[in-house]
Structures are given as C-alpha cells and as structure tokens.
Amino acid sequence: MNDAIFSQIDFGPLKEFIDIDDITDISYTNGGQLWLKSLSKGVYRVERPEINNALIEKLAFQCSNVMGKTFNMAHPFLDAESTELRLNFVHDSIATNGVALVIRKTPAKIRLNREKLINEEYVSADLLDFLIDCVHGHANIIVSGETGSGKTELVKYLASNTKENEKIITIEDTLELHLDRIFPHRDIVAMKTNNIASYSEVLVTCMRQNPIWILLSEVRSAEAVMAVRNSISSGHHIISTIHSDKASLIPMRMYSLIESNIDVEQFITTIHRYVQIGIYVKGYMSEKLGRFQREIMEICEFYVDDENKPQVNTIFQKTLDGRFTLKNPTKYLRNYLAIQGVILKEDLFNLNDKNNAAVESL
C-alpha cells in the first residue's frame, strides 16, 4: 500500500501501541482480546474495551477501500502493507470467534548495537567480534530461530557491518529489512517478490546487478531454498534466515523444504561447502534477568573435510541453565576468511587445551 494512502487510515486507540517503539506486534483476536509483543516484555495481554470488533471491522473497511479490494465472506483475507507496517485481517466468516487482525511493525532502523548486545547478554564480546570478522570475511550466514526470536533484527545488525563500498541487494516477499532507507548513501537495491516476479526471476535479475551481498528474506519454501543455493554457488555472499530450533540442523531443515528428489547427501554437502556459519537465536522469558530475553544460543561452522564429507563444528552452544561450550573455528573457516583478508588466531578464544574446547557455567 502506498504510504500516502496509508496515512489516511484512522487507527483510533490502536495508534497508542503503533507509536511505542518497544512493541513489535499487535494481535487482536477472540472477540476482543488484545495481545502485544514487545522487545522487553515478550507477549502479554492488555485490556482496552474500546478496541473491539466494531473498531477492527471499521479499520478493515478503510484498508480495503483505499486499496480497491473487497473484504467479505467471498474474500475473507486482507493484507495491507506500508513501509513500516504490515496488516493481516481474517473475516469472521473464517475466524468464527470474531474478526482477527495482526499488525507487524517493521521500522526502518537497526534496534541492535554493540553496547546493547553485550550489556543485555545477547552475546559475548568475543563471539560478537568473531561474527563481525565473519561478515568482513564474506562468510555466508544463515540465522535460525522461532517466530519472534529476533532473526531479522540480527540480520540487519550483521548487514550493518558490511563494508561501505559493497553493494547489497535485498530480496523479500514482505519488506522488513529497509536497509536502503537505513543507509540511503549506500549502493543498495531493495527487491520485492510477488505473484508476477518470483524468487527465481528476481534472483536472475539480481545477479545482473553485480551485488557483493544478497540478503534473502526467510527461507520457507522450495523456491527460496534454491535461491539460496544458486546465490552461494555462483560466488555471491548471502545472509538469510530460516525456522529451525538448532543451528546445526539448518542444512537438513533446508533440505526438508525442497519439493523434489534431489539426493540428500549431495544437497547437504553443497550447503556445508558454501554456507560457513549457522546461528540459532532464541527469545524467552528469563527468570534470572526478570525480563524477556533474546540471545544467541548456538553458533555452528559448516565445512567439507579433506575426504569431502560434510562436517559441523559447534563453536558455541548454551543451555537455558547457563552452561555453555566453546570451541575454536577449524582451519577450514580460518583459511576461507584468510583468503578474504581476515586473519583469525588458531586459538581464537584462548582455550589452550588439547581438546580445544571449554565448558563453563555462568
């Protein structure tokens, strides 16, 4: 939806929550329940009697009217999107306990910075430096996690550490990254797929634009998986996201999305050869901190060994009770980064033991 048209929409009492930067999602459901998702408190319910079915139906009518679409029993789904807001309505002929609405906020800003990441225990300083070195060394990175874990925000932060003169192309089906608006002085092209231009078609055009980095929106379809594979195998560098509850399972999760008979061993080997880093980020209510916490729980290195076998080196892994393991990167990752001019010490994390690993309790 055009932003000028979107500005005509009257959100009424919902605007209070739209204007609060800490709130990322607004959900109306079940004939009057209002649920919010915030960066600091996670998901919680608020009581607002004035936000009711009548208000949501009025809002849906406004959106459908300015978009020239229909929202009724025959057309029970409505999507509306501006630069920083995405709305999805479900008609009460489908949502039988009342019209449903989800508002997703996608502001053109990077919410994460080094101080915040370290002070809020999102990641340690040493691991953060390592990840930034991986970006500087053009490592291909896939961030995994559940819905609402903060995958997109982490991708935006990692992308902010790419070099100023490196061209970036973003490919998304719903606009969330907004790097072109965050860095208006940089060489960035923001591409959006739709029912006319598919992932595959947009990717072909993307290659002709000579990018250094391709940032793909969440990998959730066979077409998106093939877009990732084609990007990395053609020598471009990618940062993307995927739904997975372990970083080490990212390659197999990608394979599970493919709707063809591609040989599993061949596919997994390809991903291990071209994707260097997998990250798992989790959002949860922390009893220790007394607030909603997002943090990196696992960092894996993927590689193919000298015998052409796919391998995983779990560099960092943390459990919810505070225990974690830490291992140094292998020679394969060090050599890859060295070719790009980024030199890592063999004992990067100063572990200094024969097993090259540490286990500690926070």
Protein backbone atom coordinates (compact mmCIF):
# COMPACT_ATOMS: atom_id res chain seq x y z
CA MET A 1 0.00 0.00 0.00
CA ASN A 2 1.27 3.47 -0.87
CA ASP A 3 2.43 5.33 2.27
CA ALA A 4 0.47 8.46 1.30
CA ILE A 5 -2.70 6.36 1.11
CA PHE A 6 -1.79 4.51 4.30
CA SER A 7 -1.57 7.81 6.19
CA GLN A 8 -5.31 8.26 5.61
CA ILE A 9 -6.11 5.25 7.79
CA ASP A 10 -7.52 6.06 11.22
CA PHE A 11 -6.12 3.50 13.68
CA GLY A 12 -8.01 5.03 16.60
CA PRO A 13 -6.87 3.69 20.01
CA LEU A 14 -4.55 1.19 18.29
CA LYS A 15 -2.23 4.08 17.38
CA GLU A 16 -1.07 4.22 21.01
CA PHE A 17 0.66 0.87 20.54
CA ILE A 18 1.82 1.56 16.99
CA ASP A 19 3.72 4.60 18.31
CA ILE A 20 5.56 2.65 21.04
CA ASP A 21 8.90 1.60 19.57
CA ASP A 22 9.35 -1.31 22.01
CA ILE A 23 6.21 -3.02 20.65
CA THR A 24 6.83 -5.15 17.55
CA ASP A 25 3.48 -6.94 17.04
CA ILE A 26 -0.17 -6.21 17.84
CA SER A 27 -2.71 -9.04 17.74
CA TYR A 28 -6.49 -8.71 18.05
CA THR A 29 -8.47 -11.93 18.36
CA ASN A 30 -11.26 -13.88 20.05
CA GLY A 31 -13.86 -11.13 20.00
CA GLY A 32 -11.94 -8.55 22.00
CA GLN A 33 -8.57 -9.83 23.22
CA LEU A 34 -5.58 -7.59 22.54
CA TRP A 35 -2.13 -9.14 22.73
CA LEU A 36 1.15 -7.27 22.35
CA LYS A 37 4.67 -8.49 21.66
CA SER A 38 7.48 -6.24 22.83
CA LEU A 39 11.25 -6.36 22.90
CA SER A 40 11.39 -6.04 26.69
CA LYS A 41 8.34 -7.97 27.94
CA GLY A 42 7.67 -10.62 25.29
CA VAL A 43 3.99 -11.43 24.68
CA TYR A 44 1.37 -10.05 27.07
CA ARG A 45 -2.30 -9.09 27.11
CA VAL A 46 -3.75 -5.62 27.74
CA GLU A 47 -7.34 -4.60 28.44
CA ARG A 48 -8.75 -1.99 26.06
CA PRO A 49 -12.58 -2.25 25.85
CA GLU A 50 -12.65 0.45 23.19
CA ILE A 51 -10.66 -1.86 20.87
CA ASN A 52 -13.44 -4.21 19.79
CA ASN A 53 -14.89 -5.98 16.75
CA ALA A 54 -16.56 -2.81 15.52
CA LEU A 55 -13.26 -0.90 15.50
CA ILE A 56 -11.36 -3.72 13.75
CA GLU A 57 -14.10 -4.11 11.14
CA LYS A 58 -14.01 -0.34 10.53
CA LEU A 59 -10.23 -0.49 10.12
CA ALA A 60 -10.53 -3.41 7.68
CA PHE A 61 -13.12 -1.46 5.69
CA GLN A 62 -10.78 1.56 5.47
CA CYS A 63 -7.88 -0.61 4.29
CA SER A 64 -9.94 -2.49 1.72
CA ASN A 65 -11.49 0.77 0.48
CA VAL A 66 -8.23 2.63 -0.14
CA MET A 67 -6.69 -0.49 -1.70
CA GLY A 68 -9.63 -1.11 -4.01
CA LYS A 69 -10.08 -4.61 -2.61
CA THR A 70 -13.01 -6.49 -1.13
CA PHE A 71 -13.18 -7.90 2.40
CA ASN A 72 -16.24 -10.08 2.97
CA MET A 73 -17.36 -13.72 3.05
CA ALA A 74 -16.33 -14.19 -0.58
CA HIS A 75 -12.93 -12.53 0.05
CA PRO A 76 -12.19 -13.33 3.72
CA PHE A 77 -8.47 -12.43 3.78
CA LEU A 78 -6.97 -8.95 3.50
CA ASP A 79 -3.31 -7.91 3.54
CA ALA A 80 -2.21 -4.29 3.72
CA GLU A 81 1.41 -3.13 3.79
CA SER A 82 3.18 0.21 4.15
CA THR A 83 6.87 0.91 4.52
CA GLU A 84 6.87 0.13 8.24
CA LEU A 85 3.57 -1.65 8.94
CA ARG A 86 2.03 -4.91 7.76
CA LEU A 87 -1.61 -5.77 8.50
CA ASN A 88 -3.39 -9.08 8.04
CA PHE A 89 -7.15 -9.41 8.55
CA VAL A 90 -9.26 -12.58 8.70
CA HIS A 91 -13.01 -12.19 8.17
CA ASP A 92 -15.38 -13.53 10.85
CA SER A 93 -16.81 -15.99 8.33
CA ILE A 94 -13.47 -17.80 8.70
CA ALA A 95 -12.42 -16.67 12.18
CA THR A 96 -15.68 -17.79 13.73
CA ASN A 97 -14.96 -16.21 17.13
CA GLY A 98 -14.65 -12.75 15.58
CA VAL A 99 -12.63 -10.83 13.02
CA ALA A 100 -8.87 -11.24 13.61
CA LEU A 101 -6.04 -8.81 12.98
CA VAL A 102 -2.27 -8.91 13.29
CA ILE A 103 -0.17 -5.75 12.86
CA ARG A 104 3.55 -6.30 12.36
CA LYS A 105 5.83 -3.29 12.78
CA THR A 106 8.95 -3.19 10.59
CA PRO A 107 10.65 0.14 11.30
CA ALA A 108 13.50 1.39 9.14
CA LYS A 109 16.03 1.31 11.95
CA ILE A 110 18.55 -1.07 13.46
CA ARG A 111 17.45 -1.78 17.02
CA LEU A 112 20.65 -3.63 17.92
CA ASN A 113 24.08 -2.15 18.53
CA ARG A 114 27.28 -3.44 20.08
CA GLU A 115 26.65 -1.91 23.52
CA LYS A 116 23.08 -3.25 23.67
CA LEU A 117 24.07 -6.73 22.51
CA ILE A 118 26.76 -7.07 25.17
CA ASN A 119 25.05 -5.26 28.06
CA GLU A 120 21.81 -7.22 27.61
CA GLU A 121 23.72 -10.54 27.41
CA TYR A 122 22.58 -11.20 23.86
CA VAL A 123 26.10 -12.39 23.00
CA SER A 124 29.58 -12.12 24.50
CA ALA A 125 32.07 -9.56 23.19
CA ASP A 126 34.43 -12.28 21.88
CA LEU A 127 31.67 -14.06 19.94
CA LEU A 128 30.35 -10.77 18.59
CA ASP A 129 33.82 -9.86 17.32
CA PHE A 130 34.04 -13.29 15.72
CA LEU A 131 30.70 -12.84 13.90
CA ILE A 132 31.73 -9.40 12.65
CA ASP A 133 35.00 -10.91 11.40
CA CYS A 134 32.90 -13.49 9.53
CA VAL A 135 30.92 -10.67 7.88
CA HIS A 136 34.12 -8.82 6.96
CA GLY A 137 35.46 -12.09 5.55
CA HIS A 138 32.34 -12.59 3.37
CA ALA A 139 31.15 -15.73 5.16
CA ASN A 140 27.70 -16.93 4.14
CA ILE A 141 25.49 -16.79 7.23
CA ILE A 142 22.04 -18.22 7.99
CA VAL A 143 20.24 -17.19 11.17
CA SER A 144 17.72 -19.65 12.61
CA GLY A 145 15.09 -19.38 15.33
CA GLU A 146 11.40 -19.43 16.07
CA THR A 147 8.89 -16.74 15.14
CA GLY A 148 9.55 -13.60 17.17
CA SER A 149 13.06 -14.61 18.22
CA GLY A 150 14.62 -11.59 16.51
CA LYS A 151 16.17 -13.20 13.44
CA THR A 152 15.51 -10.21 11.18
CA GLU A 153 16.94 -7.71 13.68
CA LEU A 154 20.14 -9.77 13.93
CA VAL A 155 20.40 -9.93 10.13
CA LYS A 156 20.04 -6.13 9.96
CA TYR A 157 22.81 -5.70 12.53
CA LEU A 158 25.14 -8.11 10.72
CA ALA A 159 24.42 -6.37 7.42
CA SER A 160 25.28 -3.02 9.00
CA ASN A 161 28.82 -4.35 9.41
CA THR A 162 29.36 -4.93 5.69
CA LYS A 163 31.81 -2.54 4.05
CA GLU A 164 30.53 0.78 2.73
CA ASN A 165 31.60 0.06 -0.85
CA GLU A 166 29.98 -3.40 -1.03
CA LYS A 167 26.74 -3.45 -2.99
CA ILE A 168 23.78 -5.09 -1.27
CA ILE A 169 20.60 -6.42 -2.84
CA THR A 170 17.73 -7.45 -0.58
CA ILE A 171 15.10 -9.89 -1.87
CA GLU A 172 11.95 -10.13 0.24
CA ASP A 173 8.32 -11.13 -0.17
CA THR A 174 7.37 -8.72 2.63
CA LEU A 175 9.56 -5.68 3.26
CA GLU A 176 11.24 -5.83 6.68
CA LEU A 177 14.94 -5.04 6.27
CA HIS A 178 14.70 -1.46 4.92
CA LEU A 179 18.48 -1.24 4.52
CA ASP A 180 18.05 1.17 1.59
CA ARG A 181 16.31 3.62 3.93
CA ILE A 182 18.66 3.00 6.87
CA PHE A 183 21.72 3.58 4.68
CA PRO A 184 20.49 5.94 1.93
CA HIS A 185 24.08 6.79 0.94
CA ARG A 186 24.96 3.17 0.12
CA ASP A 187 24.62 1.14 -3.08
CA ILE A 188 21.58 -0.91 -2.06
CA VAL A 189 18.73 -2.27 -4.18
CA ALA A 190 15.58 -3.47 -2.41
CA MET A 191 13.65 -6.05 -4.47
CA LYS A 192 10.22 -7.44 -3.60
CA THR A 193 8.82 -10.68 -4.95
CA ASN A 194 5.13 -11.02 -5.82
CA ASN A 195 2.77 -13.16 -7.87
CA ILE A 196 4.33 -11.76 -11.05
CA ALA A 197 8.03 -11.78 -10.12
CA SER A 198 9.02 -14.99 -8.34
CA TYR A 199 12.15 -15.61 -6.25
CA SER A 200 13.82 -17.30 -9.21
CA GLU A 201 13.04 -14.47 -11.63
CA VAL A 202 14.09 -11.76 -9.21
CA LEU A 203 17.31 -13.65 -8.45
CA VAL A 204 18.27 -13.78 -12.15
CA THR A 205 17.89 -10.01 -12.37
CA CYS A 206 19.70 -9.63 -9.06
CA MET A 207 22.78 -11.43 -10.42
CA ARG A 208 22.95 -8.95 -13.31
CA GLN A 209 23.11 -6.08 -10.82
CA ASN A 210 26.56 -7.28 -9.64
CA PRO A 211 25.97 -7.38 -5.88
CA ILE A 212 28.56 -8.39 -3.32
CA TRP A 213 25.85 -9.32 -0.80
CA ILE A 214 22.41 -10.84 -1.35
CA LEU A 215 20.12 -10.68 1.66
CA LEU A 216 17.23 -13.08 1.23
CA SER A 217 14.12 -12.95 3.35
CA GLU A 218 13.19 -16.00 5.36
CA VAL A 219 13.81 -19.35 3.67
CA ARG A 220 10.40 -21.02 3.92
CA SER A 221 9.80 -22.57 0.50
CA ALA A 222 11.49 -24.81 -2.03
CA GLU A 223 11.95 -21.81 -4.32
CA ALA A 224 13.68 -19.84 -1.56
CA VAL A 225 15.99 -22.78 -0.79
CA MET A 226 17.03 -23.00 -4.43
CA ALA A 227 17.53 -19.22 -4.49
CA VAL A 228 19.95 -19.54 -1.57
CA ARG A 229 21.77 -22.44 -3.19
CA ASN A 230 22.06 -20.69 -6.54
CA SER A 231 23.27 -17.47 -4.89
CA ILE A 232 26.06 -19.05 -2.89
CA SER A 233 27.18 -21.47 -5.60
CA SER A 234 27.57 -18.55 -8.04
CA GLY A 235 30.05 -16.81 -5.75
CA HIS A 236 27.78 -14.23 -4.14
CA HIS A 237 27.64 -13.82 -0.38
CA ILE A 238 24.36 -14.20 1.50
CA ILE A 239 22.78 -13.55 4.86
CA SER A 240 19.36 -15.11 5.37
CA THR A 241 17.02 -16.60 7.98
CA ILE A 242 15.17 -19.87 8.47
CA HIS A 243 12.88 -21.54 11.02
CA SER A 244 14.94 -24.10 12.91
CA ASP A 245 15.45 -24.84 16.61
CA LYS A 246 19.14 -25.68 16.22
CA ALA A 247 21.87 -24.06 14.15
CA SER A 248 23.40 -27.45 13.39
CA LEU A 249 20.13 -28.58 11.73
CA ILE A 250 19.96 -25.69 9.24
CA PRO A 251 21.17 -27.73 6.21
CA MET A 252 18.69 -30.56 6.90
CA ARG A 253 15.91 -28.04 7.51
CA MET A 254 16.65 -26.54 4.09
CA TYR A 255 16.53 -29.99 2.52
CA SER A 256 13.14 -30.70 4.12
CA LEU A 257 11.68 -27.70 2.28
CA ILE A 258 12.68 -28.99 -1.16
CA GLU A 259 9.85 -30.48 -3.18
CA SER A 260 11.94 -32.69 -5.43
CA ASN A 261 14.05 -35.85 -5.41
CA ILE A 262 17.42 -34.14 -5.08
CA ASP A 263 19.94 -36.50 -3.48
CA VAL A 264 20.10 -35.64 0.22
CA GLU A 265 23.83 -36.32 0.60
CA GLN A 266 24.71 -34.21 -2.42
CA PHE A 267 22.49 -31.33 -1.25
CA ILE A 268 23.80 -31.35 2.34
CA THR A 269 27.38 -31.44 1.09
CA THR A 270 26.69 -28.42 -1.13
CA ILE A 271 25.26 -26.42 1.78
CA HIS A 272 28.19 -27.36 4.03
CA ARG A 273 30.61 -26.34 1.30
CA TYR A 274 29.12 -22.91 0.67
CA VAL A 275 27.43 -21.85 3.95
CA GLN A 276 30.08 -21.13 6.55
CA ILE A 277 28.07 -20.03 9.60
CA GLY A 278 24.76 -21.02 11.19
CA ILE A 279 23.34 -19.08 14.16
CA TYR A 280 20.45 -20.01 16.45
CA VAL A 281 18.82 -17.12 18.32
CA LYS A 282 16.12 -17.62 20.95
CA GLY A 283 13.63 -15.35 22.67
CA TYR A 284 12.30 -16.39 26.10
CA MET A 285 11.22 -15.05 29.48
CA SER A 286 14.34 -15.11 31.67
CA GLU A 287 13.84 -15.77 35.39
CA LYS A 288 17.42 -14.71 36.05
CA LEU A 289 17.07 -11.33 34.34
CA GLY A 290 13.39 -10.82 35.15
CA ARG A 291 12.53 -9.81 31.62
CA PHE A 292 12.08 -11.11 28.10
CA GLN A 293 15.48 -12.10 26.75
CA ARG A 294 16.77 -12.66 23.24
CA GLU A 295 20.18 -14.23 22.85
CA ILE A 296 22.35 -16.32 20.62
CA MET A 297 22.24 -19.90 21.87
CA GLU A 298 24.30 -21.65 19.20
CA ILE A 299 26.87 -20.83 16.54
CA CYS A 300 27.95 -23.57 14.12
CA GLU A 301 30.60 -23.74 11.45
CA PHE A 302 29.77 -25.85 8.40
CA TYR A 303 32.53 -27.26 6.24
CA VAL A 304 33.54 -30.15 3.99
CA ASP A 305 36.61 -32.03 5.21
CA ASP A 306 39.57 -33.35 3.24
CA GLU A 307 37.61 -36.52 2.47
CA ASN A 308 34.72 -34.48 1.02
CA LYS A 309 32.45 -35.25 3.97
CA PRO A 310 30.11 -32.59 5.40
CA GLN A 311 31.01 -31.68 8.98
CA VAL A 312 29.73 -29.39 11.74
CA ASN A 313 31.90 -27.62 14.28
CA THR A 314 29.73 -26.27 17.11
CA ILE A 315 31.72 -23.17 18.06
CA PHE A 316 29.30 -22.04 20.76
CA GLN A 317 26.33 -23.68 22.45
CA LYS A 318 24.43 -22.54 25.52
CA THR A 319 21.65 -24.15 27.54
CA LEU A 320 18.93 -22.28 29.41
CA ASP A 321 20.55 -23.17 32.76
CA GLY A 322 23.54 -21.01 31.81
CA ARG A 323 26.06 -23.71 30.88
CA PHE A 324 27.88 -23.29 27.60
CA THR A 325 30.55 -24.91 25.46
CA LEU A 326 33.05 -23.00 23.36
CA LYS A 327 35.36 -24.26 20.61
CA ASN A 328 37.74 -22.56 18.23
CA PRO A 329 36.97 -22.34 14.49
CA THR A 330 38.60 -25.01 12.33
CA LYS A 331 41.35 -24.47 9.81
CA TYR A 332 38.70 -24.60 7.08
CA LEU A 333 36.97 -21.44 8.26
CA ARG A 334 40.26 -19.72 9.11
CA ASN A 335 41.55 -20.44 5.61
CA TYR A 336 38.31 -19.21 4.00
CA LEU A 337 38.43 -15.93 5.90
CA ALA A 338 42.17 -15.52 5.29
CA ILE A 339 41.56 -15.54 1.52
CA GLN A 340 39.24 -12.58 2.14
CA GLY A 341 41.93 -10.81 4.17
CA VAL A 342 40.58 -11.64 7.66
CA ILE A 343 43.13 -13.46 9.81
CA LEU A 344 41.94 -15.39 12.88
CA LYS A 345 44.26 -16.79 15.54
CA GLU A 346 44.34 -20.58 15.73
CA ASP A 347 43.40 -20.32 19.42
CA LEU A 348 40.85 -17.56 18.81
CA PHE A 349 39.12 -17.85 22.20
CA ASN A 350 42.30 -18.59 24.20
CA LEU A 351 41.10 -22.03 25.23
CA ASN A 352 44.61 -23.55 25.36
CA ASP A 353 43.76 -27.16 26.00
CA LYS A 354 44.27 -30.27 23.94
CA ASN A 355 40.55 -30.71 23.28
CA ASN A 356 40.28 -27.12 22.04
CA ALA A 357 37.02 -26.70 23.95
CA ALA A 358 35.76 -25.11 27.17
CA VAL A 359 32.70 -25.86 29.29
CA GLU A 360 31.61 -23.23 31.79
CA SER A 361 28.67 -22.25 33.92
CA LEU A 362 27.51 -18.65 34.00
